[in-house]
Amino acid sequence: MPHITTYSHTLQNGMRVIACPIPDTALVTVHVQYNVGSFNEDPSRTGLAHLFEHLMFDNTSTGVDKHYDALCTRAGGTNNAYTTYDHTAYHITLPSHQMELGLWLEADRMQAFAITDQALRVQQSVVVEEINQNVENQPYGQVWPTIDRMSFTPDSHYSWNVYGSAHHVEAVSMEDATTFFHRYYQPANAVLVVAGGCNPEEVFRLADLYFGLIPSATIPHHPQPVIGVQSGQHEILRDRVPAEAAFITIPLPPQTDARIFDAEIVSRVIGGGTSSSLYQHLVHTTRSASYTGAFIDRRAHASLMIIYAYGLDHTITADRLVQEMQHAILHTALTSQAISKAVQQLRTAHAFELQRSSSIANEVAYNAMYFQHPEQVNTVLEAYASRTEEDVHAMFARVCTTNTWNRLDVIPA
């Protein structure tokens, strides 16, 4: 994979700016990542971080409706945003000669809170509809908020889902939104990355021109993390689903801990694709599941391994699925060859992602925010390869400690 060169600069208001020039690239991505996610929400206003992601597309000093999207489309660009438990990111990809437009658009919505009452009401309605569609009325949609409640103690800010509560979203006032903006949407709490066809000096000049005069208050006080990880929990969820399913969560270290790479290697061996031990045993051998797998839910303060299986038909119970998952995992042959194959798959997938300017910008922002080292984007592939077999086997032993598993059974209502 080609080396990604990063150039860093900090504006007087505390905003970190990183330029990543990519030779022979006709596109450029402007990516702004704010150090705020659902973890920072008040327990009585869950879903506010995700609601704010929507609101920011209406936040403009021009007063023109859908101003951001209209100018982006007219310039031949695309844009999107996402919210996680720990951060919120906005990105716009444009022809490289339109870089200045991208920087101005992002600065325009950061510089002041200009949300109208109508925009707030509209976006509340949109987000509530998303919750209804993706959580309340989606088969197995209730699984994810239930997993959060099951895996973390009630006082943990990880105990609710990023979508939050529809009732909380509906209750957000203009004062709530204004306070949230001024507390978290400020330069010192953000990282700006420009990746693609760009000149670092020009990036820094334009960043100073458009972002430099935005005042920044004291970096917001982030709540002392109440991690509150739970283990050994067992819950039953009755939902409108066609077949029973079972989900296992296993507490893991935070995403900044190097052991998270061991966890990804283990999850790839036991549940990554059709050659994994879970798939081979549950789908091919016992024909108990229609699909099964495992993945890592990375979070800043405490991560999770999530293992799942969906019953093949109505005759397969959650008990059976858990028994078969346990059998498959405990009988996994974690050989040198299996570890090497998993490492290569993870490295290949990561390298493929970094072929796009938007993915490079996202990865650089992640490393700048959580590790304070944007150039670490170049060492991720080595991080997988450098894990020893002893490291991986130690993580596998942790995964095989079944009395720490949190178990969720999903049963047709």
Protein backbone atom coordinates (compact mmCIF):
# COMPACT_ATOMS: atom_id res chain seq x y z
CA MET A 1 0.00 0.00 0.00
CA PRO A 2 1.43 3.44 -0.92
CA HIS A 3 2.64 5.53 2.01
CA ILE A 4 0.16 8.21 3.07
CA THR A 5 1.99 11.43 3.88
CA THR A 6 0.31 13.63 6.48
CA TYR A 7 0.99 17.31 7.19
CA SER A 8 -0.40 18.76 10.41
CA HIS A 9 -1.16 22.29 11.56
CA THR A 10 -3.10 23.68 14.52
CA LEU A 11 -5.11 26.89 14.14
CA GLN A 12 -5.06 29.53 16.87
CA ASN A 13 -8.54 28.47 17.96
CA GLY A 14 -7.24 24.95 18.67
CA MET A 15 -8.58 23.19 15.59
CA ARG A 16 -6.30 20.47 14.24
CA VAL A 17 -5.89 20.50 10.44
CA ILE A 18 -4.31 17.61 8.55
CA ALA A 19 -3.54 17.53 4.83
CA CYS A 20 -2.98 14.25 2.98
CA PRO A 21 -1.97 14.89 -0.63
CA ILE A 22 -2.51 11.88 -2.91
CA PRO A 23 -0.64 12.05 -6.24
CA ASP A 24 -2.60 11.84 -9.49
CA THR A 25 -5.96 12.14 -7.76
CA ALA A 26 -8.74 14.21 -9.32
CA LEU A 27 -10.92 14.19 -6.18
CA VAL A 28 -10.56 15.66 -2.73
CA THR A 29 -12.36 14.82 0.52
CA VAL A 30 -12.97 17.36 3.27
CA HIS A 31 -13.68 15.49 6.49
CA VAL A 32 -14.60 17.09 9.82
CA GLN A 33 -14.77 14.85 12.88
CA TYR A 34 -16.18 16.10 16.18
CA ASN A 35 -15.25 14.48 19.47
CA VAL A 36 -18.86 13.85 20.49
CA GLY A 37 -21.16 10.87 20.18
CA SER A 38 -23.99 9.23 22.03
CA PHE A 39 -21.62 8.59 24.96
CA ASN A 40 -21.72 12.35 25.67
CA GLU A 41 -25.50 12.58 25.82
CA ASP A 42 -27.60 13.29 28.87
CA PRO A 43 -29.46 10.07 29.81
CA SER A 44 -32.72 12.01 29.46
CA ARG A 45 -31.88 13.13 25.91
CA THR A 46 -30.56 10.01 24.22
CA GLY A 47 -30.38 10.27 20.44
CA LEU A 48 -29.37 13.95 20.50
CA ALA A 49 -25.96 13.34 18.89
CA HIS A 50 -27.58 11.52 15.97
CA LEU A 51 -30.31 14.16 15.70
CA PHE A 52 -27.60 16.80 15.56
CA GLU A 53 -25.94 15.02 12.65
CA HIS A 54 -29.19 15.66 10.73
CA LEU A 55 -29.57 19.22 12.00
CA MET A 56 -26.13 20.25 10.76
CA PHE A 57 -27.27 19.89 7.15
CA ASP A 58 -29.74 22.72 7.85
CA ASN A 59 -27.24 24.84 9.77
CA THR A 60 -26.15 27.66 7.48
CA SER A 61 -25.59 31.37 7.82
CA THR A 62 -27.12 31.98 4.36
CA GLY A 63 -30.67 31.09 5.40
CA VAL A 64 -31.11 29.12 2.16
CA ASP A 65 -32.95 25.82 2.61
CA LYS A 66 -30.84 22.71 1.82
CA HIS A 67 -27.99 25.05 0.95
CA TYR A 68 -25.23 22.49 1.68
CA ASP A 69 -26.63 19.69 -0.48
CA ALA A 70 -27.53 22.02 -3.35
CA LEU A 71 -24.03 23.52 -3.66
CA CYS A 72 -22.37 20.13 -3.24
CA THR A 73 -24.47 18.55 -6.01
CA ARG A 74 -24.00 21.52 -8.33
CA ALA A 75 -20.21 21.14 -7.98
CA GLY A 76 -20.36 17.43 -8.83
CA GLY A 77 -19.75 16.24 -5.28
CA THR A 78 -21.18 13.78 -2.79
CA ASN A 79 -21.51 14.07 0.96
CA ASN A 80 -22.60 12.14 4.00
CA ALA A 81 -22.21 11.90 7.76
CA TYR A 82 -22.37 9.34 10.53
CA THR A 83 -22.65 9.20 14.30
CA THR A 84 -21.01 6.64 16.59
CA TYR A 85 -20.95 6.13 20.34
CA ASP A 86 -17.82 8.32 20.53
CA HIS A 87 -17.64 10.73 17.59
CA THR A 88 -19.60 12.33 14.75
CA ALA A 89 -18.10 12.81 11.29
CA TYR A 90 -19.08 14.79 8.19
CA HIS A 91 -17.42 14.36 4.81
CA ILE A 92 -17.77 15.86 1.36
CA THR A 93 -15.93 14.62 -1.74
CA LEU A 94 -15.54 16.99 -4.68
CA PRO A 95 -13.44 17.52 -7.80
CA SER A 96 -10.11 18.72 -6.43
CA HIS A 97 -10.48 22.21 -7.90
CA GLN A 98 -13.59 22.61 -5.70
CA MET A 99 -11.69 22.04 -2.44
CA GLU A 100 -12.28 25.61 -1.31
CA LEU A 101 -16.04 25.12 -1.62
CA GLY A 102 -15.88 22.07 0.64
CA LEU A 103 -13.89 23.94 3.28
CA TRP A 104 -16.24 26.91 3.17
CA LEU A 105 -19.33 24.70 3.48
CA GLU A 106 -17.96 22.93 6.55
CA ALA A 107 -16.83 26.17 8.17
CA ASP A 108 -20.18 27.81 7.43
CA ARG A 109 -22.07 25.26 9.49
CA MET A 110 -19.53 25.28 12.31
CA GLN A 111 -19.32 29.03 12.82
CA ALA A 112 -22.76 29.65 14.36
CA PHE A 113 -25.97 27.93 15.42
CA ALA A 114 -28.62 28.93 12.88
CA ILE A 115 -31.19 26.14 13.18
CA THR A 116 -34.78 27.34 12.88
CA ASP A 117 -37.74 25.98 14.82
CA GLN A 118 -39.10 24.47 11.61
CA ALA A 119 -35.80 22.72 10.81
CA LEU A 120 -35.69 21.26 14.31
CA ARG A 121 -39.24 19.93 14.03
CA VAL A 122 -38.61 18.47 10.57
CA GLN A 123 -35.42 16.69 11.58
CA GLN A 124 -36.98 15.38 14.78
CA SER A 125 -39.68 13.83 12.62
CA VAL A 126 -37.09 12.36 10.24
CA VAL A 127 -35.04 10.81 13.05
CA VAL A 128 -38.11 9.40 14.82
CA GLU A 129 -39.14 7.81 11.52
CA GLU A 130 -35.63 6.31 11.20
CA ILE A 131 -35.98 4.81 14.68
CA ASN A 132 -39.40 3.41 13.80
CA GLN A 133 -38.16 1.98 10.52
CA ASN A 134 -34.76 0.62 11.59
CA VAL A 135 -35.40 -0.34 15.22
CA GLU A 136 -39.06 -0.55 16.20
CA ASN A 137 -40.50 -2.09 13.04
CA GLN A 138 -37.49 -3.92 11.65
CA PRO A 139 -37.19 -7.68 12.23
CA TYR A 140 -34.45 -8.14 14.84
CA GLY A 141 -34.13 -4.34 15.01
CA GLN A 142 -34.62 -4.34 18.79
CA VAL A 143 -31.53 -6.52 19.16
CA TRP A 144 -29.02 -3.67 19.08
CA PRO A 145 -30.47 -1.42 21.82
CA THR A 146 -31.05 -4.56 23.89
CA ILE A 147 -27.41 -5.59 23.44
CA ASP A 148 -26.30 -2.19 24.76
CA ARG A 149 -28.56 -2.45 27.82
CA MET A 150 -27.46 -6.03 28.47
CA SER A 151 -23.73 -5.48 28.00
CA PHE A 152 -23.36 -2.32 30.10
CA THR A 153 -24.66 -1.23 33.49
CA PRO A 154 -27.55 1.29 33.59
CA ASP A 155 -25.21 4.12 34.68
CA SER A 156 -22.89 3.56 31.71
CA HIS A 157 -23.27 5.97 28.80
CA TYR A 158 -22.80 2.97 26.51
CA SER A 159 -26.03 1.43 27.81
CA TRP A 160 -28.16 3.11 25.15
CA ASN A 161 -28.00 2.87 21.39
CA VAL A 162 -26.81 5.66 19.08
CA TYR A 163 -30.37 6.03 17.75
CA GLY A 164 -31.54 6.70 21.30
CA SER A 165 -35.15 6.96 22.39
CA ALA A 166 -37.81 8.28 20.02
CA HIS A 167 -39.49 9.96 23.02
CA HIS A 168 -36.23 11.67 23.96
CA VAL A 169 -35.68 12.88 20.38
CA GLU A 170 -39.22 14.30 20.26
CA ALA A 171 -38.59 16.10 23.54
CA VAL A 172 -35.44 17.94 22.40
CA SER A 173 -35.95 21.68 22.78
CA MET A 174 -34.25 24.52 20.96
CA GLU A 175 -32.37 25.22 24.19
CA ASP A 176 -31.14 21.60 24.27
CA ALA A 177 -29.91 21.87 20.69
CA THR A 178 -28.25 25.26 21.21
CA THR A 179 -26.43 24.09 24.33
CA PHE A 180 -25.23 20.91 22.58
CA PHE A 181 -23.89 22.92 19.63
CA HIS A 182 -21.95 25.43 21.74
CA ARG A 183 -20.56 22.71 23.99
CA TYR A 184 -19.32 20.30 21.33
CA TYR A 185 -19.42 21.85 17.84
CA GLN A 186 -16.42 24.10 18.21
CA PRO A 187 -12.99 24.11 16.55
CA ALA A 188 -10.98 22.84 19.53
CA ASN A 189 -13.21 19.77 19.69
CA ALA A 190 -12.79 18.86 16.02
CA VAL A 191 -10.28 17.46 13.57
CA LEU A 192 -10.27 18.63 9.94
CA VAL A 193 -8.70 16.32 7.35
CA VAL A 194 -8.32 17.11 3.66
CA ALA A 195 -7.25 14.13 1.56
CA GLY A 196 -6.79 13.74 -2.18
CA GLY A 197 -5.72 16.21 -4.84
CA CYS A 198 -4.54 18.99 -2.54
CA ASN A 199 -1.53 21.12 -1.67
CA PRO A 200 -0.83 21.22 2.09
CA GLU A 201 0.09 24.90 2.13
CA GLU A 202 -3.13 25.78 0.32
CA VAL A 203 -5.13 23.58 2.70
CA PHE A 204 -3.67 25.38 5.72
CA ARG A 205 -4.20 28.81 4.14
CA LEU A 206 -7.85 28.13 3.36
CA ALA A 207 -8.45 26.42 6.70
CA ASP A 208 -7.13 29.50 8.47
CA LEU A 209 -9.22 31.75 6.22
CA TYR A 210 -12.53 29.94 6.81
CA PHE A 211 -12.09 28.24 10.19
CA GLY A 212 -9.47 30.42 11.84
CA LEU A 213 -11.82 33.19 12.95
CA ILE A 214 -14.39 30.85 14.50
CA PRO A 215 -14.06 31.37 18.25
CA SER A 216 -13.43 28.33 20.38
CA ALA A 217 -14.40 28.08 24.01
CA THR A 218 -12.54 25.90 26.46
CA ILE A 219 -12.32 22.32 25.21
CA PRO A 220 -15.50 20.73 26.58
CA HIS A 221 -15.31 18.61 29.67
CA HIS A 222 -16.10 15.07 28.66
CA PRO A 223 -17.87 13.03 31.31
CA GLN A 224 -15.71 10.78 33.45
CA PRO A 225 -16.37 7.51 31.68
CA VAL A 226 -18.60 5.11 33.56
CA ILE A 227 -17.61 1.96 31.71
CA GLY A 228 -19.89 -0.37 33.63
CA VAL A 229 -19.19 -3.52 31.61
CA GLN A 230 -21.39 -6.49 32.47
CA SER A 231 -20.82 -10.20 31.98
CA GLY A 232 -22.85 -13.34 32.50
CA GLN A 233 -26.17 -11.69 31.62
CA HIS A 234 -29.00 -13.57 29.91
CA GLU A 235 -32.01 -11.81 28.39
CA ILE A 236 -34.91 -12.91 26.23
CA LEU A 237 -36.35 -10.57 23.62
CA ARG A 238 -39.77 -11.31 22.14
CA ASP A 239 -40.12 -9.70 18.74
CA ARG A 240 -41.90 -10.08 15.41
CA VAL A 241 -39.26 -12.29 13.81
CA PRO A 242 -39.54 -15.32 11.49
CA ALA A 243 -37.14 -17.54 13.47
CA GLU A 244 -35.28 -17.59 16.76
CA ALA A 245 -31.80 -16.10 16.95
CA ALA A 246 -29.04 -15.89 19.54
CA PHE A 247 -26.49 -13.16 20.20
CA ILE A 248 -23.43 -13.37 22.43
CA THR A 249 -21.45 -10.32 23.57
CA ILE A 250 -18.01 -10.54 25.17
CA PRO A 251 -16.44 -7.51 26.92
CA LEU A 252 -13.19 -6.33 25.34
CA PRO A 253 -10.58 -3.59 25.94
CA PRO A 254 -11.05 -0.09 24.47
CA GLN A 255 -10.25 0.51 20.81
CA THR A 256 -6.93 2.16 21.70
CA ASP A 257 -5.66 -1.05 23.34
CA ALA A 258 -3.43 -3.12 21.04
CA ARG A 259 -5.28 -6.27 22.12
CA ILE A 260 -8.19 -5.14 19.96
CA PHE A 261 -6.16 -6.41 16.97
CA ASP A 262 -6.00 -9.84 18.61
CA ALA A 263 -9.78 -9.74 19.04
CA GLU A 264 -10.28 -8.93 15.36
CA ILE A 265 -8.03 -11.81 14.35
CA VAL A 266 -9.94 -14.23 16.60
CA SER A 267 -13.32 -12.97 15.39
CA ARG A 268 -12.19 -13.44 11.79
CA VAL A 269 -11.14 -17.06 12.46
CA ILE A 270 -14.31 -18.03 14.31
CA GLY A 271 -16.87 -15.94 12.44
CA GLY A 272 -15.45 -14.12 9.43
CA GLY A 273 -17.06 -15.50 6.29
CA THR A 274 -18.06 -18.89 4.93
CA SER A 275 -14.80 -20.63 5.83
CA SER A 276 -15.05 -19.67 9.52
CA SER A 277 -15.62 -22.27 12.21
CA LEU A 278 -19.06 -20.87 13.08
CA TYR A 279 -20.30 -20.91 9.50
CA GLN A 280 -18.89 -24.32 8.74
CA HIS A 281 -20.40 -25.89 11.84
CA LEU A 282 -23.80 -24.15 12.08
CA VAL A 283 -24.64 -23.67 8.41
CA HIS A 284 -22.93 -26.59 6.66
CA THR A 285 -22.56 -29.37 9.23
CA THR A 286 -25.51 -29.10 11.62
CA ARG A 287 -27.76 -26.98 9.36
CA SER A 288 -29.03 -25.18 12.42
CA ALA A 289 -28.46 -21.60 11.22
CA SER A 290 -29.27 -19.65 8.08
CA TYR A 291 -26.37 -17.35 8.85
CA THR A 292 -23.82 -16.82 11.60
CA GLY A 293 -20.74 -14.73 12.24
CA ALA A 294 -18.75 -12.55 14.61
CA PHE A 295 -17.42 -8.99 14.58
CA ILE A 296 -15.82 -6.38 16.85
CA ASP A 297 -17.77 -3.31 17.98
CA ARG A 298 -14.93 -0.88 18.66
CA ARG A 299 -15.57 1.83 21.26
CA ALA A 300 -13.34 4.38 22.97
CA HIS A 301 -13.73 3.10 26.53
CA ALA A 302 -14.85 -0.54 26.21
CA SER A 303 -15.41 -2.64 23.11
CA LEU A 304 -17.46 -5.77 22.45
CA MET A 305 -17.13 -8.94 20.45
CA ILE A 306 -20.56 -9.81 19.07
CA ILE A 307 -21.27 -13.36 17.94
CA TYR A 308 -24.61 -14.21 16.36
CA ALA A 309 -26.65 -16.92 14.68
CA TYR A 310 -30.09 -16.88 13.03
CA GLY A 311 -32.10 -20.11 13.18
CA LEU A 312 -32.59 -21.94 9.90
CA ASP A 313 -36.32 -22.33 10.53
CA HIS A 314 -38.94 -22.30 13.28
CA THR A 315 -37.79 -25.67 14.67
CA ILE A 316 -34.37 -24.32 15.76
CA THR A 317 -34.34 -22.80 19.24
CA ALA A 318 -32.03 -20.15 20.66
CA ASP A 319 -30.79 -22.78 23.14
CA ARG A 320 -29.74 -24.98 20.24
CA LEU A 321 -28.00 -22.10 18.49
CA VAL A 322 -26.01 -21.20 21.62
CA GLN A 323 -24.99 -24.83 22.10
CA GLU A 324 -23.80 -25.06 18.50
CA MET A 325 -21.98 -21.70 18.68
CA GLN A 326 -20.23 -22.79 21.85
CA HIS A 327 -19.25 -26.09 20.27
CA ALA A 328 -17.90 -24.39 17.14
CA ILE A 329 -15.85 -21.85 19.10
CA LEU A 330 -14.41 -24.23 21.67
CA HIS A 331 -13.42 -26.67 18.92
CA THR A 332 -11.85 -24.03 16.67
CA ALA A 333 -8.38 -25.05 15.53
CA LEU A 334 -6.46 -21.82 16.09
CA THR A 335 -3.40 -22.94 14.14
CA SER A 336 -0.57 -20.79 12.80
CA GLN A 337 -2.10 -21.18 9.35
CA ALA A 338 -5.54 -20.02 10.55
CA ILE A 339 -4.04 -16.98 12.26
CA SER A 340 -1.93 -16.11 9.22
CA LYS A 341 -4.95 -16.39 6.93
CA ALA A 342 -7.04 -14.12 9.19
CA VAL A 343 -4.26 -11.54 9.40
CA GLN A 344 -3.91 -11.49 5.63
CA GLN A 345 -7.67 -11.10 5.15
CA LEU A 346 -7.81 -8.19 7.62
CA ARG A 347 -4.80 -6.47 6.04
CA THR A 348 -6.23 -6.90 2.54
CA ALA A 349 -9.63 -5.52 3.55
CA HIS A 350 -8.04 -2.52 5.26
CA ALA A 351 -5.71 -1.81 2.33
CA PHE A 352 -8.65 -2.00 -0.08
CA GLU A 353 -10.57 0.57 2.00
CA LEU A 354 -7.65 2.98 1.81
CA GLN A 355 -7.87 3.23 -1.96
CA ARG A 356 -10.39 6.07 -1.66
CA SER A 357 -9.75 9.60 -0.46
CA SER A 358 -12.86 9.49 1.76
CA SER A 359 -11.61 6.37 3.57
CA ILE A 360 -8.12 7.82 3.97
CA ALA A 361 -9.56 11.01 5.47
CA ASN A 362 -11.73 8.99 7.82
CA GLU A 363 -8.84 6.78 8.99
CA VAL A 364 -6.48 9.73 9.45
CA ALA A 365 -9.09 11.60 11.52
CA TYR A 366 -9.64 8.49 13.66
CA ASN A 367 -5.93 8.16 14.41
CA ALA A 368 -5.56 11.88 15.08
CA MET A 369 -8.51 11.96 17.50
CA TYR A 370 -7.88 8.78 19.48
CA PHE A 371 -4.11 8.33 19.24
CA GLN A 372 -2.95 11.91 18.57
CA HIS A 373 -0.90 10.48 15.67
CA PRO A 374 -2.50 10.90 12.22
CA GLU A 375 0.50 9.27 10.56
CA GLN A 376 -0.41 6.04 12.36
CA VAL A 377 -2.66 5.36 9.37
CA ASN A 378 0.47 3.88 7.79
CA THR A 379 1.12 1.35 10.56
CA VAL A 380 -2.28 -0.35 10.84
CA LEU A 381 -1.34 -3.15 8.45
CA GLU A 382 1.83 -3.76 10.46
CA ALA A 383 -0.18 -3.74 13.68
CA TYR A 384 -2.09 -6.83 12.53
CA ALA A 385 1.08 -8.59 11.35
CA SER A 386 3.02 -7.82 14.53
CA ARG A 387 0.63 -9.63 16.87
CA THR A 388 2.23 -12.82 18.13
CA GLU A 389 0.56 -16.20 18.31
CA GLU A 390 0.77 -15.93 22.10
CA ASP A 391 -1.19 -12.64 21.94
CA VAL A 392 -3.89 -14.18 19.77
CA HIS A 393 -4.16 -17.34 21.86
CA ALA A 394 -4.51 -15.26 25.02
CA MET A 395 -7.45 -13.41 23.45
CA PHE A 396 -8.93 -16.70 22.23
CA ALA A 397 -8.79 -18.04 25.79
CA ARG A 398 -10.69 -14.97 26.91
CA VAL A 399 -13.34 -15.55 24.26
CA CYS A 400 -13.65 -19.20 25.30
CA THR A 401 -14.40 -18.26 28.92
CA THR A 402 -18.10 -18.85 28.45
CA ASN A 403 -19.19 -17.69 31.91
CA THR A 404 -18.33 -14.11 30.86
CA TRP A 405 -20.65 -14.27 27.86
CA ASN A 406 -23.72 -12.07 27.77
CA ARG A 407 -26.50 -13.93 25.98
CA LEU A 408 -29.55 -12.58 24.18
CA ASP A 409 -32.23 -14.93 22.87
CA VAL A 410 -34.63 -13.52 20.27
CA ILE A 411 -37.94 -15.38 20.17
CA PRO A 412 -40.95 -14.82 17.90
CA ALA A 413 -43.67 -12.91 19.77
